[in-house]
Amino acid sequence: MKIYLAARYQRKDEMAAWGNVLKRFGHEITSTWIYGGEEGLTRPQIARLDLNDVARAEAVMSFTETAGTAVPRGGRHVEFGYGLALGLK
């Protein structure tokens, strides 16, 4: 299954580790942001890249934060909503 991992950018290393675990079980990770490559891109370019990655997936895994966190908002919510709108698992 093709899976997009949505999380805070600061959790990139953790998501790469989850991605590696999922790959061992035969899944493909479409979240290119967790492996780098966004350096030098503008925010609109990054947003387009991330939404294209969501569109290539069959499912979205959303990694939320605990209640009361200092960063309750973020692109991860948009990515999850986009996947929901596309009918992904």
PDB file of N, CA and C in Angstrom:
ATOM      1  N   MET A   1       0.837  -1.176   0.000  1.00  0.00           N
ATOM      2  CA  MET A   1       0.000   0.000   0.000  1.00  0.00           C
ATOM      3  C   MET A   1       0.887   1.245   0.000  1.00  0.00           C
ATOM      4  N   LYS A   2       0.449   2.261  -0.711  1.00  0.00           N
ATOM      5  CA  LYS A   2       1.163   3.538  -0.741  1.00  0.00           C
ATOM      6  C   LYS A   2       0.619   4.422   0.381  1.00  0.00           C
ATOM      7  N   ILE A   3       1.511   4.852   1.282  1.00  0.00           N
ATOM      8  CA  ILE A   3       1.099   5.582   2.481  1.00  0.00           C
ATOM      9  C   ILE A   3       1.806   6.931   2.560  1.00  0.00           C
ATOM     10  N   TYR A   4       1.035   7.968   2.888  1.00  0.00           N
ATOM     11  CA  TYR A   4       1.586   9.299   3.156  1.00  0.00           C
ATOM     12  C   TYR A   4       1.583   9.503   4.661  1.00  0.00           C
ATOM     13  N   LEU A   5       2.722   9.899   5.218  1.00  0.00           N
ATOM     14  CA  LEU A   5       2.839  10.185   6.644  1.00  0.00           C
ATOM     15  C   LEU A   5       2.750  11.687   6.852  1.00  0.00           C
ATOM     16  N   ALA A   6       1.721  12.136   7.571  1.00  0.00           N
ATOM     17  CA  ALA A   6       1.507  13.555   7.849  1.00  0.00           C
ATOM     18  C   ALA A   6       1.851  13.834   9.305  1.00  0.00           C
ATOM     19  N   ALA A   7       2.788  14.761   9.517  1.00  0.00           N
ATOM     20  CA  ALA A   7       3.214  15.102  10.873  1.00  0.00           C
ATOM     21  C   ALA A   7       3.891  16.467  10.856  1.00  0.00           C
ATOM     22  N   ARG A   8       4.151  16.992  12.041  1.00  0.00           N
ATOM     23  CA  ARG A   8       4.914  18.236  12.151  1.00  0.00           C
ATOM     24  C   ARG A   8       6.280  18.044  11.519  1.00  0.00           C
ATOM     25  N   TYR A   9       6.780  19.071  10.856  1.00  0.00           N
ATOM     26  CA  TYR A   9       8.086  18.973  10.182  1.00  0.00           C
ATOM     27  C   TYR A   9       9.195  18.602  11.173  1.00  0.00           C
ATOM     28  N   GLN A  10       9.096  19.081  12.398  1.00  0.00           N
ATOM     29  CA  GLN A  10      10.115  18.784  13.408  1.00  0.00           C
ATOM     30  C   GLN A  10      10.179  17.299  13.748  1.00  0.00           C
ATOM     31  N   ARG A  11       9.207  16.527  13.332  1.00  0.00           N
ATOM     32  CA  ARG A  11       9.190  15.083  13.582  1.00  0.00           C
ATOM     33  C   ARG A  11       9.693  14.293  12.369  1.00  0.00           C
ATOM     34  N   LYS A  12      10.397  14.997  11.473  1.00  0.00           N
ATOM     35  CA  LYS A  12      10.870  14.391  10.222  1.00  0.00           C
ATOM     36  C   LYS A  12      11.673  13.107  10.461  1.00  0.00           C
ATOM     37  N   ASP A  13      12.611  13.133  11.392  1.00  0.00           N
ATOM     38  CA  ASP A  13      13.435  11.947  11.652  1.00  0.00           C
ATOM     39  C   ASP A  13      12.598  10.782  12.177  1.00  0.00           C
ATOM     40  N   GLU A  14      11.645  11.098  13.043  1.00  0.00           N
ATOM     41  CA  GLU A  14      10.746  10.062  13.566  1.00  0.00           C
ATOM     42  C   GLU A  14       9.912   9.460  12.429  1.00  0.00           C
ATOM     43  N   MET A  15       9.442  10.314  11.512  1.00  0.00           N
ATOM     44  CA  MET A  15       8.645   9.829  10.393  1.00  0.00           C
ATOM     45  C   MET A  15       9.490   8.975   9.444  1.00  0.00           C
ATOM     46  N   ALA A  16      10.749   9.346   9.268  1.00  0.00           N
ATOM     47  CA  ALA A  16      11.641   8.531   8.436  1.00  0.00           C
ATOM     48  C   ALA A  16      11.798   7.144   9.056  1.00  0.00           C
ATOM     49  N   ALA A  17      11.891   7.083  10.384  1.00  0.00           N
ATOM     50  CA  ALA A  17      12.002   5.790  11.070  1.00  0.00           C
ATOM     51  C   ALA A  17      10.723   4.976  10.876  1.00  0.00           C
ATOM     52  N   TRP A  18       9.551   5.620  11.032  1.00  0.00           N
ATOM     53  CA  TRP A  18       8.283   4.924  10.783  1.00  0.00           C
ATOM     54  C   TRP A  18       8.205   4.468   9.336  1.00  0.00           C
ATOM     55  N   GLY A  19       8.649   5.328   8.418  1.00  0.00           N
ATOM     56  CA  GLY A  19       8.651   4.966   7.009  1.00  0.00           C
ATOM     57  C   GLY A  19       9.478   3.725   6.740  1.00  0.00           C
ATOM     58  N   ASN A  20      10.627   3.638   7.377  1.00  0.00           N
ATOM     59  CA  ASN A  20      11.488   2.466   7.204  1.00  0.00           C
ATOM     60  C   ASN A  20      10.826   1.198   7.736  1.00  0.00           C
ATOM     61  N   VAL A  21      10.123   1.315   8.862  1.00  0.00           N
ATOM     62  CA  VAL A  21       9.400   0.160   9.411  1.00  0.00           C
ATOM     63  C   VAL A  21       8.314  -0.287   8.437  1.00  0.00           C
ATOM     64  N   LEU A  22       7.537   0.678   7.941  1.00  0.00           N
ATOM     65  CA  LEU A  22       6.455   0.344   7.012  1.00  0.00           C
ATOM     66  C   LEU A  22       6.990  -0.259   5.709  1.00  0.00           C
ATOM     67  N   LYS A  23       8.134   0.236   5.254  1.00  0.00           N
ATOM     68  CA  LYS A  23       8.747  -0.324   4.040  1.00  0.00           C
ATOM     69  C   LYS A  23       9.111  -1.791   4.243  1.00  0.00           C
ATOM     70  N   ARG A  24       9.571  -2.136   5.432  1.00  0.00           N
ATOM     71  CA  ARG A  24       9.929  -3.537   5.718  1.00  0.00           C
ATOM     72  C   ARG A  24       8.716  -4.459   5.610  1.00  0.00           C
ATOM     73  N   PHE A  25       7.526  -3.883   5.771  1.00  0.00           N
ATOM     74  CA  PHE A  25       6.294  -4.664   5.642  1.00  0.00           C
ATOM     75  C   PHE A  25       5.713  -4.573   4.234  1.00  0.00           C
ATOM     76  N   GLY A  26       6.487  -4.018   3.299  1.00  0.00           N
ATOM     77  CA  GLY A  26       6.090  -4.004   1.903  1.00  0.00           C
ATOM     78  C   GLY A  26       5.336  -2.769   1.440  1.00  0.00           C
ATOM     79  N   HIS A  27       5.219  -1.760   2.291  1.00  0.00           N
ATOM     80  CA  HIS A  27       4.507  -0.543   1.916  1.00  0.00           C
ATOM     81  C   HIS A  27       5.446   0.447   1.231  1.00  0.00           C
ATOM     82  N   GLU A  28       4.865   1.310   0.420  1.00  0.00           N
ATOM     83  CA  GLU A  28       5.619   2.397  -0.212  1.00  0.00           C
ATOM     84  C   GLU A  28       5.243   3.692   0.492  1.00  0.00           C
ATOM     85  N   ILE A  29       6.237   4.501   0.835  1.00  0.00           N
ATOM     86  CA  ILE A  29       5.993   5.776   1.498  1.00  0.00           C
ATOM     87  C   ILE A  29       6.062   6.882   0.455  1.00  0.00           C
ATOM     88  N   THR A  30       4.984   7.654   0.336  1.00  0.00           N
ATOM     89  CA  THR A  30       4.950   8.726  -0.658  1.00  0.00           C
ATOM     90  C   THR A  30       5.374  10.069  -0.076  1.00  0.00           C
ATOM     91  N   SER A  31       5.627  10.143   1.213  1.00  0.00           N
ATOM     92  CA  SER A  31       6.022  11.392   1.887  1.00  0.00           C
ATOM     93  C   SER A  31       7.487  11.699   1.603  1.00  0.00           C
ATOM     94  N   THR A  32       7.748  12.385   0.502  1.00  0.00           N
ATOM     95  CA  THR A  32       9.146  12.681   0.174  1.00  0.00           C
ATOM     96  C   THR A  32       9.775  13.640   1.165  1.00  0.00           C
ATOM     97  N   TRP A  33       8.970  14.450   1.870  1.00  0.00           N
ATOM     98  CA  TRP A  33       9.502  15.432   2.815  1.00  0.00           C
ATOM     99  C   TRP A  33      10.294  14.789   3.939  1.00  0.00           C
ATOM    100  N   ILE A  34       9.993  13.551   4.284  1.00  0.00           N
ATOM    101  CA  ILE A  34      10.697  12.933   5.412  1.00  0.00           C
ATOM    102  C   ILE A  34      12.118  12.506   5.050  1.00  0.00           C
ATOM    103  N   TYR A  35      12.415  12.467   3.758  1.00  0.00           N
ATOM    104  CA  TYR A  35      13.754  12.079   3.315  1.00  0.00           C
ATOM    105  C   TYR A  35      14.567  13.261   2.791  1.00  0.00           C
ATOM    106  N   GLY A  36      14.063  14.483   2.983  1.00  0.00           N
ATOM    107  CA  GLY A  36      14.781  15.677   2.536  1.00  0.00           C
ATOM    108  C   GLY A  36      14.419  16.052   1.117  1.00  0.00           C
ATOM    109  N   GLY A  37      15.129  17.024   0.584  1.00  0.00           N
ATOM    110  CA  GLY A  37      14.896  17.433  -0.790  1.00  0.00           C
ATOM    111  C   GLY A  37      14.053  18.683  -0.944  1.00  0.00           C
ATOM    112  N   GLU A  38      13.588  19.267   0.156  1.00  0.00           N
ATOM    113  CA  GLU A  38      12.784  20.488   0.065  1.00  0.00           C
ATOM    114  C   GLU A  38      13.618  21.743   0.279  1.00  0.00           C
ATOM    115  N   GLU A  39      14.892  21.565   0.544  1.00  0.00           N
ATOM    116  CA  GLU A  39      15.769  22.700   0.789  1.00  0.00           C
ATOM    117  C   GLU A  39      15.797  23.607  -0.435  1.00  0.00           C
ATOM    118  N   GLY A  40      15.686  24.906  -0.212  1.00  0.00           N
ATOM    119  CA  GLY A  40      15.748  25.864  -1.307  1.00  0.00           C
ATOM    120  C   GLY A  40      14.429  26.097  -2.019  1.00  0.00           C
ATOM    121  N   LEU A  41      13.408  25.327  -1.700  1.00  0.00           N
ATOM    122  CA  LEU A  41      12.095  25.517  -2.324  1.00  0.00           C
ATOM    123  C   LEU A  41      11.303  26.568  -1.551  1.00  0.00           C
ATOM    124  N   THR A  42      10.409  27.241  -2.245  1.00  0.00           N
ATOM    125  CA  THR A  42       9.535  28.203  -1.586  1.00  0.00           C
ATOM    126  C   THR A  42       8.403  27.455  -0.884  1.00  0.00           C
ATOM    127  N   ARG A  43       7.700  28.136   0.010  1.00  0.00           N
ATOM    128  CA  ARG A  43       6.571  27.500   0.701  1.00  0.00           C
ATOM    129  C   ARG A  43       5.506  27.008  -0.281  1.00  0.00           C
ATOM    130  N   PRO A  44       5.133  27.807  -1.297  1.00  0.00           N
ATOM    131  CA  PRO A  44       4.159  27.290  -2.276  1.00  0.00           C
ATOM    132  C   PRO A  44       4.664  26.050  -3.021  1.00  0.00           C
ATOM    133  N   GLN A  45       5.956  26.009  -3.342  1.00  0.00           N
ATOM    134  CA  GLN A  45       6.517  24.827  -4.010  1.00  0.00           C
ATOM    135  C   GLN A  45       6.460  23.610  -3.102  1.00  0.00           C
ATOM    136  N   ILE A  46       6.783  23.817  -1.827  1.00  0.00           N
ATOM    137  CA  ILE A  46       6.735  22.717  -0.852  1.00  0.00           C
ATOM    138  C   ILE A  46       5.303  22.218  -0.698  1.00  0.00           C
ATOM    139  N   ALA A  47       4.364  23.153  -0.612  1.00  0.00           N
ATOM    140  CA  ALA A  47       2.949  22.766  -0.469  1.00  0.00           C
ATOM    141  C   ALA A  47       2.496  21.930  -1.661  1.00  0.00           C
ATOM    142  N   ARG A  48       2.854  22.338  -2.879  1.00  0.00           N
ATOM    143  CA  ARG A  48       2.485  21.580  -4.077  1.00  0.00           C
ATOM    144  C   ARG A  48       3.109  20.187  -4.058  1.00  0.00           C
ATOM    145  N   LEU A  49       4.382  20.121  -3.671  1.00  0.00           N
ATOM    146  CA  LEU A  49       5.077  18.837  -3.587  1.00  0.00           C
ATOM    147  C   LEU A  49       4.370  17.916  -2.598  1.00  0.00           C
ATOM    148  N   ASP A  50       4.046  18.449  -1.417  1.00  0.00           N
ATOM    149  CA  ASP A  50       3.386  17.636  -0.396  1.00  0.00           C
ATOM    150  C   ASP A  50       2.010  17.160  -0.854  1.00  0.00           C
ATOM    151  N   LEU A  51       1.226  18.045  -1.470  1.00  0.00           N
ATOM    152  CA  LEU A  51      -0.098  17.636  -1.937  1.00  0.00           C
ATOM    153  C   LEU A  51      -0.008  16.624  -3.071  1.00  0.00           C
ATOM    154  N   ASN A  52       0.991  16.743  -3.929  1.00  0.00           N
ATOM    155  CA  ASN A  52       1.216  15.723  -4.964  1.00  0.00           C
ATOM    156  C   ASN A  52       1.559  14.387  -4.328  1.00  0.00           C
ATOM    157  N   ASP A  53       2.342  14.420  -3.252  1.00  0.00           N
ATOM    158  CA  ASP A  53       2.693  13.190  -2.540  1.00  0.00           C
ATOM    159  C   ASP A  53       1.457  12.545  -1.917  1.00  0.00           C
ATOM    160  N   VAL A  54       0.552  13.364  -1.366  1.00  0.00           N
ATOM    161  CA  VAL A  54      -0.700  12.847  -0.809  1.00  0.00           C
ATOM    162  C   VAL A  54      -1.517  12.194  -1.917  1.00  0.00           C
ATOM    163  N   ALA A  55      -1.605  12.849  -3.058  1.00  0.00           N
ATOM    164  CA  ALA A  55      -2.406  12.346  -4.172  1.00  0.00           C
ATOM    165  C   ALA A  55      -1.891  11.008  -4.714  1.00  0.00           C
ATOM    166  N   ARG A  56      -0.609  10.737  -4.545  1.00  0.00           N
ATOM    167  CA  ARG A  56      -0.027   9.468  -5.012  1.00  0.00           C
ATOM    168  C   ARG A  56      -0.295   8.323  -4.040  1.00  0.00           C
ATOM    169  N   ALA A  57      -0.784   8.652  -2.842  1.00  0.00           N
ATOM    170  CA  ALA A  57      -0.968   7.651  -1.785  1.00  0.00           C
ATOM    171  C   ALA A  57      -2.329   6.973  -1.879  1.00  0.00           C
ATOM    172  N   GLU A  58      -2.431   5.856  -1.170  1.00  0.00           N
ATOM    173  CA  GLU A  58      -3.709   5.154  -1.007  1.00  0.00           C
ATOM    174  C   GLU A  58      -4.268   5.366   0.396  1.00  0.00           C
ATOM    175  N   ALA A  59      -3.394   5.827   1.296  1.00  0.00           N
ATOM    176  CA  ALA A  59      -3.792   6.060   2.683  1.00  0.00           C
ATOM    177  C   ALA A  59      -2.925   7.169   3.275  1.00  0.00           C
ATOM    178  N   VAL A  60      -3.484   7.860   4.270  1.00  0.00           N
ATOM    179  CA  VAL A  60      -2.752   8.896   4.996  1.00  0.00           C
ATOM    180  C   VAL A  60      -2.724   8.510   6.466  1.00  0.00           C
ATOM    181  N   MET A  61      -1.535   8.510   7.043  1.00  0.00           N
ATOM    182  CA  MET A  61      -1.392   8.312   8.485  1.00  0.00           C
ATOM    183  C   MET A  61      -1.079   9.681   9.083  1.00  0.00           C
ATOM    184  N   SER A  62      -1.958  10.133   9.974  1.00  0.00           N
ATOM    185  CA  SER A  62      -1.806  11.454  10.581  1.00  0.00           C
ATOM    186  C   SER A  62      -1.260  11.308  11.994  1.00  0.00           C
ATOM    187  N   PHE A  63      -0.111  11.912  12.234  1.00  0.00           N
ATOM    188  CA  PHE A  63       0.524  11.888  13.549  1.00  0.00           C
ATOM    189  C   PHE A  63       0.209  13.214  14.230  1.00  0.00           C
ATOM    190  N   THR A  64      -0.707  13.178  15.178  1.00  0.00           N
ATOM    191  CA  THR A  64      -1.146  14.383  15.857  1.00  0.00           C
ATOM    192  C   THR A  64      -0.282  14.650  17.088  1.00  0.00           C
ATOM    193  N   GLU A  65      -0.553  15.774  17.728  1.00  0.00           N
ATOM    194  CA  GLU A  65       0.189  16.158  18.931  1.00  0.00           C
ATOM    195  C   GLU A  65      -0.729  16.016  20.148  1.00  0.00           C
ATOM    196  N   THR A  66      -0.136  15.908  21.323  1.00  0.00           N
ATOM    197  CA  THR A  66      -0.926  15.803  22.543  1.00  0.00           C
ATOM    198  C   THR A  66      -1.642  17.118  22.825  1.00  0.00           C
ATOM    199  N   ALA A  67      -2.731  17.039  23.552  1.00  0.00           N
ATOM    200  CA  ALA A  67      -3.506  18.231  23.900  1.00  0.00           C
ATOM    201  C   ALA A  67      -2.621  19.231  24.637  1.00  0.00           C
ATOM    202  N   GLY A  68      -2.798  20.496  24.310  1.00  0.00           N
ATOM    203  CA  GLY A  68      -2.038  21.545  24.974  1.00  0.00           C
ATOM    204  C   GLY A  68      -0.669  21.793  24.379  1.00  0.00           C
ATOM    205  N   THR A  69      -0.349  21.148  23.266  1.00  0.00           N
ATOM    206  CA  THR A  69       0.960  21.332  22.650  1.00  0.00           C
ATOM    207  C   THR A  69       1.132  22.768  22.172  1.00  0.00           C
ATOM    208  N   ALA A  70       2.358  23.194  22.059  1.00  0.00           N
ATOM    209  CA  ALA A  70       2.653  24.564  21.619  1.00  0.00           C
ATOM    210  C   ALA A  70       2.419  24.750  20.125  1.00  0.00           C
ATOM    211  N   VAL A  71       2.282  23.650  19.366  1.00  0.00           N
ATOM    212  CA  VAL A  71       2.105  23.743  17.914  1.00  0.00           C
ATOM    213  C   VAL A  71       0.849  22.952  17.513  1.00  0.00           C
ATOM    214  N   PRO A  72      -0.344  23.485  17.809  1.00  0.00           N
ATOM    215  CA  PRO A  72      -1.568  22.742  17.506  1.00  0.00           C
ATOM    216  C   PRO A  72      -1.977  22.787  16.035  1.00  0.00           C
ATOM    217  N   ARG A  73      -1.423  23.697  15.258  1.00  0.00           N
ATOM    218  CA  ARG A  73      -1.829  23.837  13.862  1.00  0.00           C
ATOM    219  C   ARG A  73      -0.684  23.428  12.951  1.00  0.00           C
ATOM    220  N   GLY A  74      -0.955  23.372  11.655  1.00  0.00           N
ATOM    221  CA  GLY A  74       0.114  23.069  10.717  1.00  0.00           C
ATOM    222  C   GLY A  74      -0.386  22.400   9.453  1.00  0.00           C
ATOM    223  N   GLY A  75       0.526  22.268   8.503  1.00  0.00           N
ATOM    224  CA  GLY A  75       0.208  21.684   7.210  1.00  0.00           C
ATOM    225  C   GLY A  75      -0.255  20.246   7.289  1.00  0.00           C
ATOM    226  N   ARG A  76       0.112  19.553   8.341  1.00  0.00           N
ATOM    227  CA  ARG A  76      -0.283  18.150   8.463  1.00  0.00           C
ATOM    228  C   ARG A  76      -1.799  17.999   8.455  1.00  0.00           C
ATOM    229  N   HIS A  77      -2.503  18.997   8.988  1.00  0.00           N
ATOM    230  CA  HIS A  77      -3.962  18.955   9.002  1.00  0.00           C
ATOM    231  C   HIS A  77      -4.518  19.140   7.586  1.00  0.00           C
ATOM    232  N   VAL A  78      -3.887  20.009   6.816  1.00  0.00           N
ATOM    233  CA  VAL A  78      -4.296  20.219   5.425  1.00  0.00           C
ATOM    234  C   VAL A  78      -4.056  18.940   4.632  1.00  0.00           C
ATOM    235  N   GLU A  79      -2.904  18.318   4.831  1.00  0.00           N
ATOM    236  CA  GLU A  79      -2.570  17.083   4.121  1.00  0.00           C
ATOM    237  C   GLU A  79      -3.573  15.979   4.453  1.00  0.00           C
ATOM    238  N   PHE A  80      -3.922  15.858   5.723  1.00  0.00           N
ATOM    239  CA  PHE A  80      -4.903  14.850   6.128  1.00  0.00           C
ATOM    240  C   PHE A  80      -6.258  15.147   5.482  1.00  0.00           C
ATOM    241  N   GLY A  81      -6.689  16.405   5.526  1.00  0.00           N
ATOM    242  CA  GLY A  81      -7.968  16.792   4.926  1.00  0.00           C
ATOM    243  C   GLY A  81      -7.985  16.564   3.430  1.00  0.00           C
ATOM    244  N   TYR A  82      -6.869  16.840   2.763  1.00  0.00           N
ATOM    245  CA  TYR A  82      -6.780  16.618   1.323  1.00  0.00           C
ATOM    246  C   TYR A  82      -6.922  15.128   1.020  1.00  0.00           C
ATOM    247  N   GLY A  83      -6.239  14.301   1.813  1.00  0.00           N
ATOM    248  CA  GLY A  83      -6.367  12.856   1.639  1.00  0.00           C
ATOM    249  C   GLY A  83      -7.791  12.382   1.876  1.00  0.00           C
ATOM    250  N   LEU A  84      -8.438  12.943   2.866  1.00  0.00           N
ATOM    251  CA  LEU A  84      -9.841  12.613   3.153  1.00  0.00           C
ATOM    252  C   LEU A  84     -10.718  13.003   1.964  1.00  0.00           C
ATOM    253  N   ALA A  85     -10.500  14.200   1.423  1.00  0.00           N
ATOM    254  CA  ALA A  85     -11.270  14.671   0.266  1.00  0.00           C
ATOM    255  C   ALA A  85     -11.059  13.780  -0.956  1.00  0.00           C
ATOM    256  N   LEU A  86      -9.865  13.218  -1.078  1.00  0.00           N
ATOM    257  CA  LEU A  86      -9.572  12.320  -2.198  1.00  0.00           C
ATOM    258  C   LEU A  86     -10.104  10.908  -1.980  1.00  0.00           C
ATOM    259  N   GLY A  87     -10.646  10.649  -0.784  1.00  0.00           N
ATOM    260  CA  GLY A  87     -11.197   9.333  -0.491  1.00  0.00           C
ATOM    261  C   GLY A  87     -10.164   8.305  -0.059  1.00  0.00           C
ATOM    262  N   LEU A  88      -9.006   8.777   0.412  1.00  0.00           N
ATOM    263  CA  LEU A  88      -7.962   7.850   0.854  1.00  0.00           C
ATOM    264  C   LEU A  88      -8.342   7.225   2.192  1.00  0.00           C
ATOM    265  N   LYS A  89      -7.751   6.080   2.476  1.00  0.00           N
ATOM    266  CA  LYS A  89      -7.957   5.421   3.771  1.00  0.00           C
ATOM    267  C   LYS A  89      -7.260   6.203   4.841  1.00  0.00           C
TER     268      LYS A  89
END
